[in-house]
Amino acid sequence: MCGAGAAVLGALILGEYEFTGSLPFVAGPLFGLAIGEIVAGVGQLRSLPIAAVCGALAFGGIAWAGWIDSSEGVEPVKALVWVAASLAALTAAWRSVDLARLRRS
């Protein structure tokens, strides 16, 4: 629940900025890191299903921010939004999976 709330809040905040220049390459990984940290820190859970959900939340949050940036669908969504969303998803999933446990399996 906290991860979903953070994704919604982050989408509303990031939606006020244009996804141009270096913003997608900085905001995407930071957004994913925040979502992953919140889920791993608050929920104390780390597993592959949790990582998949975190990645989906991060991707969805950035995609929603890109939709807001496009004047809520009036203009086309910028291509860099999808780059930022992918980076966010990868970072969130990486942060919320227990890599040491996966290596032992």
C-alpha atoms as a PDB file:
ATOM      1  CA  MET A   1       0.000   0.000   0.000  1.00  0.00           C
ATOM      2  CA  CYS A   2       2.785   2.426   0.820  1.00  0.00           C
ATOM      3  CA  GLY A   3       4.498   1.694  -2.495  1.00  0.00           C
ATOM      4  CA  ALA A   4       1.284   2.373  -4.411  1.00  0.00           C
ATOM      5  CA  GLY A   5       0.738   5.612  -2.516  1.00  0.00           C
ATOM      6  CA  ALA A   6       4.286   6.723  -3.250  1.00  0.00           C
ATOM      7  CA  ALA A   7       3.835   5.882  -6.940  1.00  0.00           C
ATOM      8  CA  VAL A   8       0.649   7.975  -7.121  1.00  0.00           C
ATOM      9  CA  LEU A   9       2.213  10.916  -5.293  1.00  0.00           C
ATOM     10  CA  GLY A  10       5.367  10.713  -7.390  1.00  0.00           C
ATOM     11  CA  ALA A  11       3.355  10.589 -10.610  1.00  0.00           C
ATOM     12  CA  LEU A  12       1.403  13.688  -9.637  1.00  0.00           C
ATOM     13  CA  ILE A  13       4.604  15.556  -8.781  1.00  0.00           C
ATOM     14  CA  LEU A  14       6.647  14.412 -11.809  1.00  0.00           C
ATOM     15  CA  GLY A  15       3.727  15.093 -14.134  1.00  0.00           C
ATOM     16  CA  GLU A  16       4.363  18.804 -13.673  1.00  0.00           C
ATOM     17  CA  TYR A  17       7.778  18.523 -15.350  1.00  0.00           C
ATOM     18  CA  GLU A  18       8.650  17.982 -19.005  1.00  0.00           C
ATOM     19  CA  PHE A  19      10.403  14.724 -19.820  1.00  0.00           C
ATOM     20  CA  THR A  20      13.219  16.259 -21.848  1.00  0.00           C
ATOM     21  CA  GLY A  21      16.983  16.470 -21.506  1.00  0.00           C
ATOM     22  CA  SER A  22      18.472  14.538 -18.622  1.00  0.00           C
ATOM     23  CA  LEU A  23      15.299  14.442 -16.491  1.00  0.00           C
ATOM     24  CA  PRO A  24      14.161  10.982 -17.683  1.00  0.00           C
ATOM     25  CA  PHE A  25      17.600   9.471 -17.047  1.00  0.00           C
ATOM     26  CA  VAL A  26      17.738  10.872 -13.517  1.00  0.00           C
ATOM     27  CA  ALA A  27      14.084  10.804 -12.449  1.00  0.00           C
ATOM     28  CA  GLY A  28      13.427   7.255 -13.682  1.00  0.00           C
ATOM     29  CA  PRO A  29      16.055   5.469 -11.590  1.00  0.00           C
ATOM     30  CA  LEU A  30      15.444   7.722  -8.569  1.00  0.00           C
ATOM     31  CA  PHE A  31      11.702   7.090  -8.769  1.00  0.00           C
ATOM     32  CA  GLY A  32      12.290   3.346  -8.960  1.00  0.00           C
ATOM     33  CA  LEU A  33      14.762   3.478  -6.095  1.00  0.00           C
ATOM     34  CA  ALA A  34      12.236   5.342  -3.942  1.00  0.00           C
ATOM     35  CA  ILE A  35       9.473   2.828  -4.658  1.00  0.00           C
ATOM     36  CA  GLY A  36      11.793  -0.128  -4.023  1.00  0.00           C
ATOM     37  CA  GLU A  37      13.134   1.392  -0.797  1.00  0.00           C
ATOM     38  CA  ILE A  38       9.666   2.118   0.516  1.00  0.00           C
ATOM     39  CA  VAL A  39       8.442  -1.407  -0.138  1.00  0.00           C
ATOM     40  CA  ALA A  40      11.601  -3.102   1.132  1.00  0.00           C
ATOM     41  CA  GLY A  41      11.953  -0.787   4.118  1.00  0.00           C
ATOM     42  CA  VAL A  42       8.364  -0.505   5.294  1.00  0.00           C
ATOM     43  CA  GLY A  43       7.118  -3.945   4.335  1.00  0.00           C
ATOM     44  CA  GLN A  44      10.342  -5.796   5.119  1.00  0.00           C
ATOM     45  CA  LEU A  45       9.552  -8.050   2.151  1.00  0.00           C
ATOM     46  CA  ARG A  46      11.869  -9.060  -0.660  1.00  0.00           C
ATOM     47  CA  SER A  47      11.027 -11.683  -3.255  1.00  0.00           C
ATOM     48  CA  LEU A  48      10.510 -12.076  -6.987  1.00  0.00           C
ATOM     49  CA  PRO A  49       6.742 -11.399  -6.838  1.00  0.00           C
ATOM     50  CA  ILE A  50       7.338  -8.288  -4.720  1.00  0.00           C
ATOM     51  CA  ALA A  51       9.997  -7.149  -7.204  1.00  0.00           C
ATOM     52  CA  ALA A  52       7.543  -7.604 -10.082  1.00  0.00           C
ATOM     53  CA  VAL A  53       4.892  -5.549  -8.298  1.00  0.00           C
ATOM     54  CA  CYS A  54       7.417  -2.821  -7.436  1.00  0.00           C
ATOM     55  CA  GLY A  55       8.575  -2.679 -11.041  1.00  0.00           C
ATOM     56  CA  ALA A  56       4.983  -2.411 -12.245  1.00  0.00           C
ATOM     57  CA  LEU A  57       4.212   0.351  -9.738  1.00  0.00           C
ATOM     58  CA  ALA A  58       7.296   2.329 -10.753  1.00  0.00           C
ATOM     59  CA  PHE A  59       6.579   1.863 -14.465  1.00  0.00           C
ATOM     60  CA  GLY A  60       2.960   2.868 -13.994  1.00  0.00           C
ATOM     61  CA  GLY A  61       3.847   5.917 -11.927  1.00  0.00           C
ATOM     62  CA  ILE A  62       6.243   7.267 -14.547  1.00  0.00           C
ATOM     63  CA  ALA A  63       3.825   6.439 -17.373  1.00  0.00           C
ATOM     64  CA  TRP A  64       1.070   8.322 -15.559  1.00  0.00           C
ATOM     65  CA  ALA A  65       3.422  11.280 -15.023  1.00  0.00           C
ATOM     66  CA  GLY A  66       4.185  11.244 -18.757  1.00  0.00           C
ATOM     67  CA  TRP A  67       0.480  11.222 -19.519  1.00  0.00           C
ATOM     68  CA  ILE A  68      -0.013  14.221 -17.216  1.00  0.00           C
ATOM     69  CA  ASP A  69       2.939  15.937 -18.931  1.00  0.00           C
ATOM     70  CA  SER A  70       1.250  15.403 -22.300  1.00  0.00           C
ATOM     71  CA  SER A  71      -1.663  17.571 -21.131  1.00  0.00           C
ATOM     72  CA  GLU A  72      -3.555  14.424 -20.195  1.00  0.00           C
ATOM     73  CA  GLY A  73      -3.501  12.920 -23.646  1.00  0.00           C
ATOM     74  CA  VAL A  74      -3.941  16.066 -25.734  1.00  0.00           C
ATOM     75  CA  GLU A  75      -0.357  15.911 -26.975  1.00  0.00           C
ATOM     76  CA  PRO A  76       1.543  12.697 -27.727  1.00  0.00           C
ATOM     77  CA  VAL A  77       3.434  11.143 -24.832  1.00  0.00           C
ATOM     78  CA  LYS A  78       7.156  11.824 -25.237  1.00  0.00           C
ATOM     79  CA  ALA A  79       9.376   8.869 -26.125  1.00  0.00           C
ATOM     80  CA  LEU A  80      11.685   9.574 -23.176  1.00  0.00           C
ATOM     81  CA  VAL A  81       8.788   8.845 -20.836  1.00  0.00           C
ATOM     82  CA  TRP A  82       9.071   5.171 -21.795  1.00  0.00           C
ATOM     83  CA  VAL A  83      12.826   5.253 -21.218  1.00  0.00           C
ATOM     84  CA  ALA A  84      12.290   6.735 -17.751  1.00  0.00           C
ATOM     85  CA  ALA A  85       9.521   4.228 -16.991  1.00  0.00           C
ATOM     86  CA  SER A  86      11.724   1.305 -18.007  1.00  0.00           C
ATOM     87  CA  LEU A  87      14.616   2.566 -15.896  1.00  0.00           C
ATOM     88  CA  ALA A  88      12.268   3.064 -12.955  1.00  0.00           C
ATOM     89  CA  ALA A  89      10.865  -0.449 -13.284  1.00  0.00           C
ATOM     90  CA  LEU A  90      14.305  -2.046 -13.470  1.00  0.00           C
ATOM     91  CA  THR A  91      15.609  -0.066 -10.507  1.00  0.00           C
ATOM     92  CA  ALA A  92      12.559  -0.783  -8.336  1.00  0.00           C
ATOM     93  CA  ALA A  93      12.686  -4.487  -9.123  1.00  0.00           C
ATOM     94  CA  TRP A  94      16.427  -4.655  -8.468  1.00  0.00           C
ATOM     95  CA  ARG A  95      16.045  -2.876  -5.125  1.00  0.00           C
ATOM     96  CA  SER A  96      13.172  -5.029  -3.894  1.00  0.00           C
ATOM     97  CA  VAL A  97      14.472  -8.505  -4.756  1.00  0.00           C
ATOM     98  CA  ASP A  98      16.648 -10.515  -2.389  1.00  0.00           C
ATOM     99  CA  LEU A  99      19.659 -11.226  -4.617  1.00  0.00           C
ATOM    100  CA  ALA A 100      21.560 -13.206  -1.983  1.00  0.00           C
ATOM    101  CA  ARG A 101      18.681 -15.623  -1.615  1.00  0.00           C
ATOM    102  CA  LEU A 102      18.381 -16.030  -5.382  1.00  0.00           C
ATOM    103  CA  ARG A 103      22.071 -16.896  -5.662  1.00  0.00           C
ATOM    104  CA  ARG A 104      21.730 -19.647  -3.065  1.00  0.00           C
ATOM    105  CA  SER A 105      18.834 -21.261  -4.951  1.00  0.00           C
END
